[in-house]
Amino acid sequence: MRYKHIIFDIDGTLIDTEYAVIHSLIKTITKITGNVPQYEDLKFVLGITGKDALKRLKIDDIDRGLEIWDANMKSYYHTIHPFQGIKECLNYLLSNKYVSGIVTSKTYMEYHTDFTPLGLANYFTTVVCADDTVEHKPQAAPLLAYLSKAKINPVDAIYIGDSIYDIQCATSAGVDSGLVLWSGTSPDSIKANYYFKTPDDICRMLSDFHPT
């Protein structure tokens, strides 16, 4: 078995939150500034912390902005769902004795409100959220925190995500990376170790190392 820990990003990787994140942010920016931003202009926020997103958008009162954004997200919870094939993939990992983990830019509060209700949390042994580190993706700190928490070496893990931030984080931490394409990410300018068109591709890649 080449890898022991299969570490996942959440948004855009395990669950589809793009619609909820962007539309709730549009409402937030509109309320704070009076200007209505365009959907495409906000896609850069996918994969980074809410705090970093608001900083890049030059929102003065970050804490108030986060409160408004969190409140707006609640009206879009019904649009959030796991990607097709994710649960089957997680069951495969469990049955083949892989350890599933999470490194996310969500805070623990967001993890419990956005992710836990979807019924996937029990698959994951080690979780690192934005609260755990001072630096965030694309820096190495979140993955290094995971390696320390799980007591494993970089060669024991692969980090799977949907954005360039995830791949840069993995590279900086010395961890192999997998880029998922099912949320619409273009692989053209992102250099990962693996590219996955479907969650089943993850299982196929692992079975090559660990044939059943």
N, C-alpha and C. Protein backbone atom coordinates (compact mmCIF):
# COMPACT_ATOMS: atom_id res chain seq x y z
N MET A 1 0.86 -1.20 0.00
CA MET A 1 0.00 0.00 0.00
C MET A 1 0.89 1.24 0.00
N ARG A 2 0.77 2.07 -1.04
CA ARG A 2 1.65 3.24 -1.14
C ARG A 2 1.25 4.32 -0.14
N TYR A 3 -0.02 4.59 -0.01
CA TYR A 3 -0.50 5.62 0.91
C TYR A 3 -1.26 4.97 2.07
N LYS A 4 -1.17 5.59 3.24
CA LYS A 4 -1.94 5.14 4.39
C LYS A 4 -3.10 6.09 4.67
N HIS A 5 -2.86 7.38 4.46
CA HIS A 5 -3.88 8.40 4.72
C HIS A 5 -4.30 9.06 3.42
N ILE A 6 -5.58 9.07 3.17
CA ILE A 6 -6.16 9.77 2.02
C ILE A 6 -6.84 11.02 2.58
N ILE A 7 -6.24 12.17 2.33
CA ILE A 7 -6.69 13.42 2.94
C ILE A 7 -7.46 14.24 1.91
N PHE A 8 -8.62 14.73 2.32
CA PHE A 8 -9.49 15.46 1.40
C PHE A 8 -9.69 16.90 1.83
N ASP A 9 -9.78 17.78 0.85
CA ASP A 9 -10.41 19.09 1.00
C ASP A 9 -11.92 18.83 1.09
N ILE A 10 -12.70 19.82 1.50
CA ILE A 10 -14.16 19.63 1.58
C ILE A 10 -14.89 20.29 0.41
N ASP A 11 -14.89 21.62 0.38
CA ASP A 11 -15.67 22.35 -0.62
C ASP A 11 -15.13 22.10 -2.02
N GLY A 12 -16.00 21.67 -2.93
CA GLY A 12 -15.60 21.42 -4.30
C GLY A 12 -14.93 20.07 -4.50
N THR A 13 -14.75 19.34 -3.40
CA THR A 13 -14.09 18.03 -3.46
C THR A 13 -15.02 16.95 -2.96
N LEU A 14 -15.45 17.07 -1.70
CA LEU A 14 -16.41 16.13 -1.13
C LEU A 14 -17.84 16.59 -1.34
N ILE A 15 -18.06 17.89 -1.18
CA ILE A 15 -19.42 18.43 -1.29
C ILE A 15 -19.45 19.63 -2.23
N ASP A 16 -20.60 19.82 -2.86
CA ASP A 16 -20.79 20.91 -3.81
C ASP A 16 -21.37 22.11 -3.07
N THR A 17 -20.50 23.08 -2.81
CA THR A 17 -20.93 24.27 -2.07
C THR A 17 -20.79 25.55 -2.89
N GLU A 18 -20.37 25.43 -4.14
CA GLU A 18 -20.07 26.64 -4.91
C GLU A 18 -21.26 27.59 -4.99
N TYR A 19 -22.42 27.06 -5.35
CA TYR A 19 -23.61 27.91 -5.47
C TYR A 19 -23.90 28.64 -4.17
N ALA A 20 -23.85 27.90 -3.06
CA ALA A 20 -24.15 28.48 -1.76
C ALA A 20 -23.12 29.54 -1.36
N VAL A 21 -21.85 29.21 -1.54
CA VAL A 21 -20.78 30.13 -1.13
C VAL A 21 -20.84 31.43 -1.94
N ILE A 22 -20.94 31.31 -3.25
CA ILE A 22 -20.89 32.51 -4.10
C ILE A 22 -22.15 33.36 -3.94
N HIS A 23 -23.31 32.73 -3.95
CA HIS A 23 -24.55 33.52 -3.85
C HIS A 23 -24.68 34.18 -2.48
N SER A 24 -24.27 33.49 -1.43
CA SER A 24 -24.33 34.12 -0.10
C SER A 24 -23.32 35.25 0.01
N LEU A 25 -22.18 35.11 -0.68
CA LEU A 25 -21.19 36.19 -0.67
C LEU A 25 -21.67 37.39 -1.48
N ILE A 26 -22.34 37.14 -2.59
CA ILE A 26 -22.92 38.25 -3.37
C ILE A 26 -23.87 39.07 -2.49
N LYS A 27 -24.74 38.37 -1.75
CA LYS A 27 -25.67 39.06 -0.85
C LYS A 27 -24.92 39.83 0.22
N THR A 28 -23.82 39.24 0.71
CA THR A 28 -23.04 39.88 1.78
C THR A 28 -22.37 41.15 1.29
N ILE A 29 -21.68 41.07 0.15
CA ILE A 29 -20.98 42.23 -0.40
C ILE A 29 -21.98 43.33 -0.77
N THR A 30 -23.11 42.92 -1.32
CA THR A 30 -24.15 43.89 -1.69
C THR A 30 -24.65 44.65 -0.46
N LYS A 31 -24.87 43.92 0.64
CA LYS A 31 -25.36 44.56 1.87
C LYS A 31 -24.32 45.51 2.46
N ILE A 32 -23.05 45.11 2.42
CA ILE A 32 -22.00 45.91 3.06
C ILE A 32 -21.63 47.13 2.22
N THR A 33 -21.51 46.94 0.90
CA THR A 33 -20.98 48.01 0.05
C THR A 33 -22.02 48.70 -0.82
N GLY A 34 -23.17 48.02 -1.04
CA GLY A 34 -24.17 48.57 -1.95
C GLY A 34 -23.90 48.22 -3.40
N ASN A 35 -22.77 47.58 -3.66
CA ASN A 35 -22.43 47.15 -5.02
C ASN A 35 -22.70 45.66 -5.18
N VAL A 36 -23.21 45.27 -6.34
CA VAL A 36 -23.53 43.87 -6.61
C VAL A 36 -22.41 43.25 -7.44
N PRO A 37 -21.58 42.40 -6.84
CA PRO A 37 -20.48 41.80 -7.60
C PRO A 37 -20.97 40.72 -8.55
N GLN A 38 -20.19 40.44 -9.57
CA GLN A 38 -20.52 39.39 -10.53
C GLN A 38 -20.06 38.03 -10.01
N TYR A 39 -20.85 37.02 -10.31
CA TYR A 39 -20.57 35.65 -9.85
C TYR A 39 -19.15 35.23 -10.18
N GLU A 40 -18.75 35.39 -11.44
CA GLU A 40 -17.44 34.92 -11.90
C GLU A 40 -16.30 35.64 -11.19
N ASP A 41 -16.53 36.88 -10.80
CA ASP A 41 -15.48 37.66 -10.14
C ASP A 41 -15.20 37.18 -8.73
N LEU A 42 -16.08 36.35 -8.18
CA LEU A 42 -15.91 35.88 -6.80
C LEU A 42 -15.42 34.45 -6.72
N LYS A 43 -15.22 33.79 -7.83
CA LYS A 43 -14.85 32.37 -7.79
C LYS A 43 -13.46 32.14 -7.19
N PHE A 44 -12.66 33.20 -7.11
CA PHE A 44 -11.33 33.07 -6.51
C PHE A 44 -11.42 32.72 -5.02
N VAL A 45 -12.58 32.96 -4.39
CA VAL A 45 -12.70 32.71 -2.95
C VAL A 45 -12.84 31.22 -2.63
N LEU A 46 -13.16 30.43 -3.63
CA LEU A 46 -13.36 29.00 -3.41
C LEU A 46 -12.03 28.35 -3.06
N GLY A 47 -11.94 27.80 -1.85
CA GLY A 47 -10.71 27.13 -1.45
C GLY A 47 -9.86 27.89 -0.45
N ILE A 48 -10.21 29.15 -0.15
CA ILE A 48 -9.48 29.89 0.87
C ILE A 48 -10.43 30.20 2.03
N THR A 49 -9.88 30.65 3.14
CA THR A 49 -10.72 30.94 4.30
C THR A 49 -11.62 32.14 4.02
N GLY A 50 -12.74 32.19 4.74
CA GLY A 50 -13.64 33.33 4.61
C GLY A 50 -12.96 34.63 4.97
N LYS A 51 -12.11 34.59 5.99
CA LYS A 51 -11.38 35.79 6.41
C LYS A 51 -10.46 36.28 5.30
N ASP A 52 -9.72 35.35 4.69
CA ASP A 52 -8.83 35.75 3.59
C ASP A 52 -9.61 36.27 2.39
N ALA A 53 -10.77 35.67 2.14
CA ALA A 53 -11.60 36.12 1.02
C ALA A 53 -12.05 37.56 1.22
N LEU A 54 -12.52 37.88 2.43
CA LEU A 54 -13.00 39.24 2.70
C LEU A 54 -11.85 40.25 2.71
N LYS A 55 -10.68 39.80 3.14
CA LYS A 55 -9.50 40.68 3.09
C LYS A 55 -9.18 41.05 1.65
N ARG A 56 -9.21 40.05 0.76
CA ARG A 56 -8.90 40.31 -0.64
C ARG A 56 -9.95 41.19 -1.30
N LEU A 57 -11.18 41.12 -0.76
CA LEU A 57 -12.26 41.96 -1.27
C LEU A 57 -12.27 43.34 -0.62
N LYS A 58 -11.27 43.57 0.26
CA LYS A 58 -11.08 44.88 0.92
C LYS A 58 -12.28 45.29 1.78
N ILE A 59 -12.85 44.31 2.46
CA ILE A 59 -13.91 44.61 3.43
C ILE A 59 -13.26 45.08 4.72
N ASP A 60 -13.67 46.23 5.22
CA ASP A 60 -13.00 46.83 6.38
C ASP A 60 -13.23 46.05 7.67
N ASP A 61 -14.49 45.75 7.97
CA ASP A 61 -14.82 45.05 9.21
C ASP A 61 -14.99 43.56 8.90
N ILE A 62 -13.90 42.82 9.02
CA ILE A 62 -13.89 41.41 8.64
C ILE A 62 -14.84 40.60 9.52
N ASP A 63 -14.82 40.85 10.82
CA ASP A 63 -15.67 40.07 11.74
C ASP A 63 -17.15 40.26 11.43
N ARG A 64 -17.55 41.50 11.17
CA ARG A 64 -18.94 41.76 10.82
C ARG A 64 -19.28 41.12 9.48
N GLY A 65 -18.34 41.20 8.54
CA GLY A 65 -18.56 40.58 7.24
C GLY A 65 -18.76 39.09 7.34
N LEU A 66 -17.98 38.44 8.19
CA LEU A 66 -18.13 36.99 8.38
C LEU A 66 -19.47 36.64 9.01
N GLU A 67 -19.90 37.47 9.95
CA GLU A 67 -21.21 37.23 10.59
C GLU A 67 -22.33 37.31 9.55
N ILE A 68 -22.28 38.33 8.71
CA ILE A 68 -23.32 38.50 7.68
C ILE A 68 -23.26 37.35 6.67
N TRP A 69 -22.05 36.97 6.29
CA TRP A 69 -21.87 35.88 5.33
C TRP A 69 -22.39 34.57 5.90
N ASP A 70 -22.05 34.28 7.15
CA ASP A 70 -22.54 33.05 7.80
C ASP A 70 -24.07 33.03 7.85
N ALA A 71 -24.67 34.18 8.17
CA ALA A 71 -26.13 34.26 8.22
C ALA A 71 -26.74 34.03 6.84
N ASN A 72 -26.13 34.60 5.83
CA ASN A 72 -26.64 34.43 4.47
C ASN A 72 -26.48 32.98 3.97
N MET A 73 -25.42 32.31 4.42
CA MET A 73 -25.20 30.92 4.01
C MET A 73 -26.35 30.01 4.43
N LYS A 74 -26.96 30.31 5.55
CA LYS A 74 -28.03 29.45 6.09
C LYS A 74 -29.18 29.29 5.10
N SER A 75 -29.44 30.33 4.33
CA SER A 75 -30.57 30.24 3.39
C SER A 75 -30.22 29.43 2.14
N TYR A 76 -28.95 28.99 2.05
CA TYR A 76 -28.54 28.19 0.90
C TYR A 76 -28.13 26.77 1.28
N TYR A 77 -28.31 26.40 2.54
CA TYR A 77 -27.91 25.05 2.99
C TYR A 77 -28.58 23.95 2.16
N HIS A 78 -29.81 24.23 1.71
CA HIS A 78 -30.55 23.21 0.96
C HIS A 78 -29.92 22.90 -0.39
N THR A 79 -28.99 23.76 -0.84
CA THR A 79 -28.35 23.54 -2.14
C THR A 79 -27.05 22.74 -2.02
N ILE A 80 -26.61 22.48 -0.79
CA ILE A 80 -25.32 21.80 -0.55
C ILE A 80 -25.54 20.29 -0.50
N HIS A 81 -24.72 19.54 -1.21
CA HIS A 81 -24.87 18.08 -1.22
C HIS A 81 -23.54 17.42 -1.58
N PRO A 82 -23.33 16.17 -1.17
CA PRO A 82 -22.12 15.46 -1.57
C PRO A 82 -22.12 15.23 -3.08
N PHE A 83 -20.94 15.23 -3.68
CA PHE A 83 -20.84 14.90 -5.09
C PHE A 83 -21.17 13.42 -5.30
N GLN A 84 -21.70 13.12 -6.46
CA GLN A 84 -22.05 11.74 -6.80
C GLN A 84 -20.80 10.85 -6.73
N GLY A 85 -20.93 9.74 -6.02
CA GLY A 85 -19.85 8.78 -5.92
C GLY A 85 -18.94 8.95 -4.73
N ILE A 86 -19.10 10.06 -3.99
CA ILE A 86 -18.22 10.31 -2.84
C ILE A 86 -18.43 9.29 -1.73
N LYS A 87 -19.67 9.01 -1.39
CA LYS A 87 -19.92 8.06 -0.31
C LYS A 87 -19.39 6.68 -0.67
N GLU A 88 -19.56 6.27 -1.91
CA GLU A 88 -19.05 4.97 -2.35
C GLU A 88 -17.52 4.93 -2.26
N CYS A 89 -16.88 6.03 -2.61
CA CYS A 89 -15.42 6.13 -2.52
C CYS A 89 -14.97 6.01 -1.06
N LEU A 90 -15.64 6.70 -0.17
CA LEU A 90 -15.28 6.65 1.25
C LEU A 90 -15.50 5.26 1.82
N ASN A 91 -16.53 4.59 1.38
CA ASN A 91 -16.76 3.20 1.82
C ASN A 91 -15.65 2.28 1.32
N TYR A 92 -15.19 2.52 0.10
CA TYR A 92 -14.08 1.73 -0.44
C TYR A 92 -12.83 1.92 0.42
N LEU A 93 -12.52 3.17 0.76
CA LEU A 93 -11.34 3.46 1.57
C LEU A 93 -11.44 2.78 2.94
N LEU A 94 -12.62 2.84 3.53
CA LEU A 94 -12.83 2.23 4.84
C LEU A 94 -12.65 0.72 4.77
N SER A 95 -13.23 0.09 3.77
CA SER A 95 -13.18 -1.36 3.66
C SER A 95 -11.79 -1.87 3.30
N ASN A 96 -10.96 -1.00 2.72
CA ASN A 96 -9.60 -1.39 2.36
C ASN A 96 -8.56 -0.84 3.33
N LYS A 97 -9.04 -0.42 4.51
CA LYS A 97 -8.17 -0.05 5.62
C LYS A 97 -7.30 1.18 5.38
N TYR A 98 -7.77 2.07 4.51
CA TYR A 98 -7.14 3.39 4.40
C TYR A 98 -7.71 4.29 5.50
N VAL A 99 -6.94 5.27 5.92
CA VAL A 99 -7.42 6.26 6.88
C VAL A 99 -7.82 7.51 6.09
N SER A 100 -9.05 7.93 6.24
CA SER A 100 -9.53 9.14 5.56
C SER A 100 -9.40 10.33 6.50
N GLY A 101 -8.88 11.43 5.97
CA GLY A 101 -8.72 12.64 6.77
C GLY A 101 -9.19 13.86 6.02
N ILE A 102 -9.21 14.99 6.70
CA ILE A 102 -9.66 16.26 6.12
C ILE A 102 -8.69 17.37 6.47
N VAL A 103 -8.36 18.18 5.48
CA VAL A 103 -7.71 19.48 5.68
C VAL A 103 -8.54 20.49 4.92
N THR A 104 -9.15 21.41 5.63
CA THR A 104 -10.10 22.34 5.02
C THR A 104 -9.84 23.77 5.45
N SER A 105 -10.28 24.71 4.62
CA SER A 105 -10.21 26.12 4.97
C SER A 105 -11.43 26.56 5.78
N LYS A 106 -12.36 25.64 6.01
CA LYS A 106 -13.49 25.95 6.87
C LYS A 106 -13.02 26.07 8.33
N THR A 107 -13.69 26.89 9.09
CA THR A 107 -13.50 26.88 10.54
C THR A 107 -14.24 25.67 11.10
N TYR A 108 -13.99 25.36 12.37
CA TYR A 108 -14.72 24.24 12.97
C TYR A 108 -16.22 24.53 13.03
N MET A 109 -16.59 25.78 13.23
CA MET A 109 -18.01 26.13 13.25
C MET A 109 -18.63 25.84 11.88
N GLU A 110 -17.93 26.24 10.81
CA GLU A 110 -18.44 25.98 9.46
C GLU A 110 -18.45 24.48 9.15
N TYR A 111 -17.45 23.77 9.64
CA TYR A 111 -17.39 22.32 9.46
C TYR A 111 -18.63 21.66 10.06
N HIS A 112 -19.00 22.09 11.25
CA HIS A 112 -20.14 21.47 11.93
C HIS A 112 -21.48 21.91 11.36
N THR A 113 -21.55 23.12 10.81
CA THR A 113 -22.83 23.59 10.26
C THR A 113 -23.02 23.20 8.81
N ASP A 114 -21.95 23.24 8.00
CA ASP A 114 -22.07 23.00 6.56
C ASP A 114 -21.87 21.53 6.19
N PHE A 115 -20.99 20.84 6.94
CA PHE A 115 -20.54 19.52 6.51
C PHE A 115 -21.13 18.37 7.33
N THR A 116 -21.07 18.49 8.65
CA THR A 116 -21.52 17.39 9.51
C THR A 116 -22.94 16.92 9.22
N PRO A 117 -23.90 17.83 8.96
CA PRO A 117 -25.28 17.37 8.70
C PRO A 117 -25.43 16.48 7.47
N LEU A 118 -24.43 16.43 6.60
CA LEU A 118 -24.54 15.65 5.37
C LEU A 118 -24.24 14.16 5.58
N GLY A 119 -23.82 13.80 6.79
CA GLY A 119 -23.66 12.39 7.13
C GLY A 119 -22.36 11.75 6.70
N LEU A 120 -21.33 12.56 6.43
CA LEU A 120 -20.05 12.01 6.00
C LEU A 120 -18.97 12.09 7.06
N ALA A 121 -19.20 12.86 8.11
CA ALA A 121 -18.14 13.16 9.08
C ALA A 121 -17.56 11.92 9.74
N ASN A 122 -18.37 10.89 9.93
CA ASN A 122 -17.89 9.70 10.64
C ASN A 122 -16.83 8.91 9.87
N TYR A 123 -16.66 9.20 8.59
CA TYR A 123 -15.64 8.51 7.81
C TYR A 123 -14.23 9.00 8.13
N PHE A 124 -14.11 10.15 8.79
CA PHE A 124 -12.82 10.83 8.90
C PHE A 124 -12.26 10.75 10.31
N THR A 125 -11.00 10.32 10.38
CA THR A 125 -10.33 10.11 11.66
C THR A 125 -9.66 11.38 12.17
N THR A 126 -8.96 12.08 11.28
CA THR A 126 -8.23 13.30 11.65
C THR A 126 -8.75 14.46 10.81
N VAL A 127 -9.05 15.57 11.47
CA VAL A 127 -9.59 16.75 10.79
C VAL A 127 -8.77 17.97 11.19
N VAL A 128 -8.34 18.74 10.20
CA VAL A 128 -7.66 20.02 10.45
C VAL A 128 -8.47 21.12 9.78
N CYS A 129 -8.89 22.09 10.59
CA CYS A 129 -9.67 23.23 10.10
C CYS A 129 -8.84 24.51 10.19
N ALA A 130 -9.40 25.60 9.69
CA ALA A 130 -8.67 26.87 9.64
C ALA A 130 -8.25 27.33 11.03
N ASP A 131 -9.01 26.96 12.06
CA ASP A 131 -8.68 27.37 13.43
C ASP A 131 -7.36 26.78 13.92
N ASP A 132 -6.90 25.72 13.29
CA ASP A 132 -5.73 24.98 13.78
C ASP A 132 -4.40 25.62 13.41
N THR A 133 -4.38 26.53 12.46
CA THR A 133 -3.12 27.11 12.00
C THR A 133 -3.25 28.62 11.82
N VAL A 134 -2.11 29.29 11.92
CA VAL A 134 -2.08 30.73 11.65
C VAL A 134 -2.05 30.97 10.14
N GLU A 135 -1.23 30.18 9.44
CA GLU A 135 -1.18 30.27 7.98
C GLU A 135 -2.15 29.26 7.38
N HIS A 136 -2.65 29.58 6.21
CA HIS A 136 -3.65 28.73 5.56
C HIS A 136 -3.22 28.40 4.14
N LYS A 137 -3.97 27.50 3.49
CA LYS A 137 -3.69 27.19 2.09
C LYS A 137 -3.62 28.49 1.29
N PRO A 138 -2.67 28.64 0.39
CA PRO A 138 -1.79 27.63 -0.21
C PRO A 138 -0.51 27.33 0.57
N GLN A 139 -0.34 27.90 1.75
CA GLN A 139 0.85 27.59 2.55
C GLN A 139 0.79 26.14 3.02
N ALA A 140 1.92 25.61 3.45
CA ALA A 140 2.02 24.21 3.85
C ALA A 140 1.42 23.93 5.23
N ALA A 141 1.24 24.97 6.04
CA ALA A 141 0.90 24.81 7.46
C ALA A 141 -0.27 23.86 7.74
N PRO A 142 -1.39 23.94 7.01
CA PRO A 142 -2.51 23.05 7.34
C PRO A 142 -2.16 21.57 7.17
N LEU A 143 -1.47 21.22 6.11
CA LEU A 143 -1.09 19.82 5.90
C LEU A 143 -0.02 19.39 6.88
N LEU A 144 0.90 20.27 7.21
CA LEU A 144 1.92 19.94 8.21
C LEU A 144 1.27 19.70 9.57
N ALA A 145 0.23 20.47 9.87
CA ALA A 145 -0.52 20.25 11.11
C ALA A 145 -1.19 18.88 11.10
N TYR A 146 -1.71 18.50 9.95
CA TYR A 146 -2.33 17.17 9.83
C TYR A 146 -1.30 16.07 10.06
N LEU A 147 -0.14 16.18 9.40
CA LEU A 147 0.90 15.16 9.54
C LEU A 147 1.32 15.01 11.00
N SER A 148 1.42 16.14 11.69
CA SER A 148 1.80 16.11 13.10
C SER A 148 0.70 15.49 13.95
N LYS A 149 -0.53 15.88 13.69
CA LYS A 149 -1.67 15.38 14.45
C LYS A 149 -1.86 13.88 14.27
N ALA A 150 -1.66 13.41 13.03
CA ALA A 150 -1.85 12.00 12.71
C ALA A 150 -0.59 11.16 12.96
N LYS A 151 0.52 11.88 13.21
CA LYS A 151 1.80 11.20 13.46
C LYS A 151 2.23 10.33 12.27
N ILE A 152 2.24 10.93 11.09
CA ILE A 152 2.65 10.22 9.88
C ILE A 152 3.67 11.06 9.12
N ASN A 153 4.35 10.43 8.17
CA ASN A 153 5.31 11.10 7.30
C ASN A 153 4.61 11.55 6.02
N PRO A 154 5.18 12.55 5.34
CA PRO A 154 4.56 13.03 4.09
C PRO A 154 4.35 11.93 3.06
N VAL A 155 5.25 10.94 2.99
CA VAL A 155 5.13 9.89 1.98
C VAL A 155 3.95 8.96 2.26
N ASP A 156 3.41 9.03 3.47
CA ASP A 156 2.28 8.17 3.83
C ASP A 156 0.94 8.72 3.37
N ALA A 157 0.93 9.93 2.80
CA ALA A 157 -0.34 10.60 2.53
C ALA A 157 -0.43 11.12 1.10
N ILE A 158 -1.67 11.27 0.67
CA ILE A 158 -1.97 12.02 -0.55
C ILE A 158 -3.08 13.01 -0.19
N TYR A 159 -2.96 14.23 -0.71
CA TYR A 159 -3.97 15.26 -0.45
C TYR A 159 -4.76 15.50 -1.72
N ILE A 160 -6.07 15.42 -1.62
CA ILE A 160 -6.95 15.51 -2.78
C ILE A 160 -7.85 16.74 -2.64
N GLY A 161 -7.78 17.63 -3.65
CA GLY A 161 -8.59 18.84 -3.62
C GLY A 161 -8.95 19.30 -5.01
N ASP A 162 -9.67 20.42 -5.07
CA ASP A 162 -10.20 20.89 -6.36
C ASP A 162 -9.58 22.19 -6.84
N SER A 163 -8.67 22.79 -6.06
CA SER A 163 -8.17 24.10 -6.44
C SER A 163 -6.65 24.14 -6.45
N ILE A 164 -6.12 25.17 -7.07
CA ILE A 164 -4.67 25.33 -7.10
C ILE A 164 -4.12 25.53 -5.69
N TYR A 165 -4.95 26.12 -4.79
CA TYR A 165 -4.51 26.31 -3.40
C TYR A 165 -4.21 24.96 -2.74
N ASP A 166 -5.05 23.97 -3.03
CA ASP A 166 -4.84 22.63 -2.44
C ASP A 166 -3.55 22.01 -2.95
N ILE A 167 -3.32 22.12 -4.24
CA ILE A 167 -2.14 21.50 -4.85
C ILE A 167 -0.87 22.21 -4.37
N GLN A 168 -0.91 23.53 -4.26
CA GLN A 168 0.24 24.28 -3.76
C GLN A 168 0.54 23.93 -2.31
N CYS A 169 -0.50 23.75 -1.52
CA CYS A 169 -0.34 23.36 -0.12
C CYS A 169 0.34 22.00 -0.03
N ALA A 170 -0.13 21.06 -0.82
CA ALA A 170 0.45 19.72 -0.82
C ALA A 170 1.92 19.75 -1.24
N THR A 171 2.20 20.47 -2.32
CA THR A 171 3.57 20.55 -2.82
C THR A 171 4.50 21.14 -1.78
N SER A 172 4.05 22.21 -1.12
CA SER A 172 4.88 22.86 -0.11
C SER A 172 5.13 21.96 1.10
N ALA A 173 4.18 21.06 1.37
CA ALA A 173 4.31 20.16 2.52
C ALA A 173 5.02 18.86 2.17
N GLY A 174 5.38 18.68 0.90
CA GLY A 174 6.04 17.46 0.48
C GLY A 174 5.12 16.27 0.39
N VAL A 175 3.83 16.54 0.17
CA VAL A 175 2.81 15.49 0.10
C VAL A 175 2.33 15.36 -1.35
N ASP A 176 2.13 14.14 -1.83
CA ASP A 176 1.58 13.95 -3.16
C ASP A 176 0.17 14.54 -3.25
N SER A 177 -0.21 14.94 -4.45
CA SER A 177 -1.49 15.64 -4.62
C SER A 177 -2.34 15.00 -5.70
N GLY A 178 -3.65 15.14 -5.54
CA GLY A 178 -4.61 14.72 -6.55
C GLY A 178 -5.60 15.84 -6.80
N LEU A 179 -5.79 16.21 -8.05
CA LEU A 179 -6.73 17.28 -8.41
C LEU A 179 -8.01 16.66 -8.92
N VAL A 180 -9.15 17.01 -8.30
CA VAL A 180 -10.44 16.49 -8.76
C VAL A 180 -11.00 17.43 -9.82
N LEU A 181 -11.63 16.84 -10.81
CA LEU A 181 -12.14 17.61 -11.95
C LEU A 181 -13.66 17.66 -11.98
N TRP A 182 -14.33 16.99 -11.02
CA TRP A 182 -15.80 16.91 -11.10
C TRP A 182 -16.50 18.19 -10.66
N SER A 183 -15.77 19.16 -10.13
CA SER A 183 -16.41 20.44 -9.80
C SER A 183 -16.11 21.51 -10.85
N GLY A 184 -15.55 21.08 -11.98
CA GLY A 184 -15.33 22.01 -13.08
C GLY A 184 -13.95 22.63 -13.15
N THR A 185 -13.03 22.17 -12.31
CA THR A 185 -11.67 22.70 -12.32
C THR A 185 -10.96 22.32 -13.62
N SER A 186 -10.24 23.27 -14.20
CA SER A 186 -9.44 22.98 -15.40
C SER A 186 -8.04 22.55 -14.96
N PRO A 187 -7.56 21.42 -15.46
CA PRO A 187 -6.24 20.93 -15.05
C PRO A 187 -5.08 21.57 -15.80
N ASP A 188 -5.39 22.41 -16.78
CA ASP A 188 -4.37 22.88 -17.72
C ASP A 188 -3.19 23.57 -17.04
N SER A 189 -3.46 24.40 -16.03
CA SER A 189 -2.38 25.17 -15.41
C SER A 189 -2.06 24.70 -13.99
N ILE A 190 -2.59 23.54 -13.60
CA ILE A 190 -2.38 23.04 -12.24
C ILE A 190 -1.64 21.71 -12.33
N LYS A 191 -0.43 21.67 -11.79
CA LYS A 191 0.40 20.47 -11.89
C LYS A 191 0.26 19.63 -10.63
N ALA A 192 -0.54 18.58 -10.72
CA ALA A 192 -0.74 17.65 -9.61
C ALA A 192 -0.12 16.31 -9.95
N ASN A 193 0.03 15.45 -8.95
CA ASN A 193 0.53 14.10 -9.21
C ASN A 193 -0.50 13.23 -9.91
N TYR A 194 -1.78 13.47 -9.60
CA TYR A 194 -2.88 12.68 -10.19
C TYR A 194 -4.03 13.62 -10.52
N TYR A 195 -4.84 13.20 -11.49
CA TYR A 195 -6.05 13.92 -11.86
C TYR A 195 -7.20 12.93 -11.83
N PHE A 196 -8.30 13.31 -11.16
CA PHE A 196 -9.42 12.40 -10.97
C PHE A 196 -10.68 12.99 -11.59
N LYS A 197 -11.22 12.30 -12.61
CA LYS A 197 -12.46 12.77 -13.23
C LYS A 197 -13.68 12.41 -12.41
N THR A 198 -13.61 11.31 -11.67
CA THR A 198 -14.71 10.87 -10.81
C THR A 198 -14.12 10.34 -9.50
N PRO A 199 -14.92 10.28 -8.43
CA PRO A 199 -14.42 9.67 -7.20
C PRO A 199 -13.95 8.24 -7.38
N ASP A 200 -14.56 7.52 -8.33
CA ASP A 200 -14.14 6.15 -8.57
C ASP A 200 -12.71 6.06 -9.09
N ASP A 201 -12.23 7.13 -9.73
CA ASP A 201 -10.85 7.16 -10.21
C ASP A 201 -9.86 7.08 -9.04
N ILE A 202 -10.25 7.63 -7.90
CA ILE A 202 -9.40 7.54 -6.70
C ILE A 202 -9.24 6.09 -6.30
N CYS A 203 -10.34 5.36 -6.27
CA CYS A 203 -10.32 3.94 -5.91
C CYS A 203 -9.49 3.15 -6.90
N ARG A 204 -9.61 3.46 -8.18
CA ARG A 204 -8.85 2.73 -9.20
C ARG A 204 -7.35 2.98 -9.04
N MET A 205 -6.99 4.25 -8.76
CA MET A 205 -5.58 4.57 -8.57
C MET A 205 -5.01 3.80 -7.38
N LEU A 206 -5.76 3.76 -6.28
CA LEU A 206 -5.29 3.06 -5.09
C LEU A 206 -5.22 1.56 -5.31
N SER A 207 -6.15 1.02 -6.08
CA SER A 207 -6.15 -0.42 -6.32
C SER A 207 -4.94 -0.85 -7.15
N ASP A 208 -4.37 0.09 -7.91
CA ASP A 208 -3.16 -0.20 -8.67
C ASP A 208 -1.97 -0.48 -7.74
N PHE A 209 -1.99 0.23 -6.58
CA PHE A 209 -0.94 0.02 -5.58
C PHE A 209 -1.24 -1.14 -4.65
N HIS A 210 -2.54 -1.39 -4.48
CA HIS A 210 -2.97 -2.37 -3.49
C HIS A 210 -4.05 -3.26 -4.12
N PRO A 211 -3.69 -4.12 -5.07
CA PRO A 211 -4.69 -4.93 -5.75
C PRO A 211 -5.42 -5.85 -4.79
N THR A 212 -6.73 -5.98 -5.00
CA THR A 212 -7.52 -6.85 -4.13
C THR A 212 -7.60 -8.25 -4.74
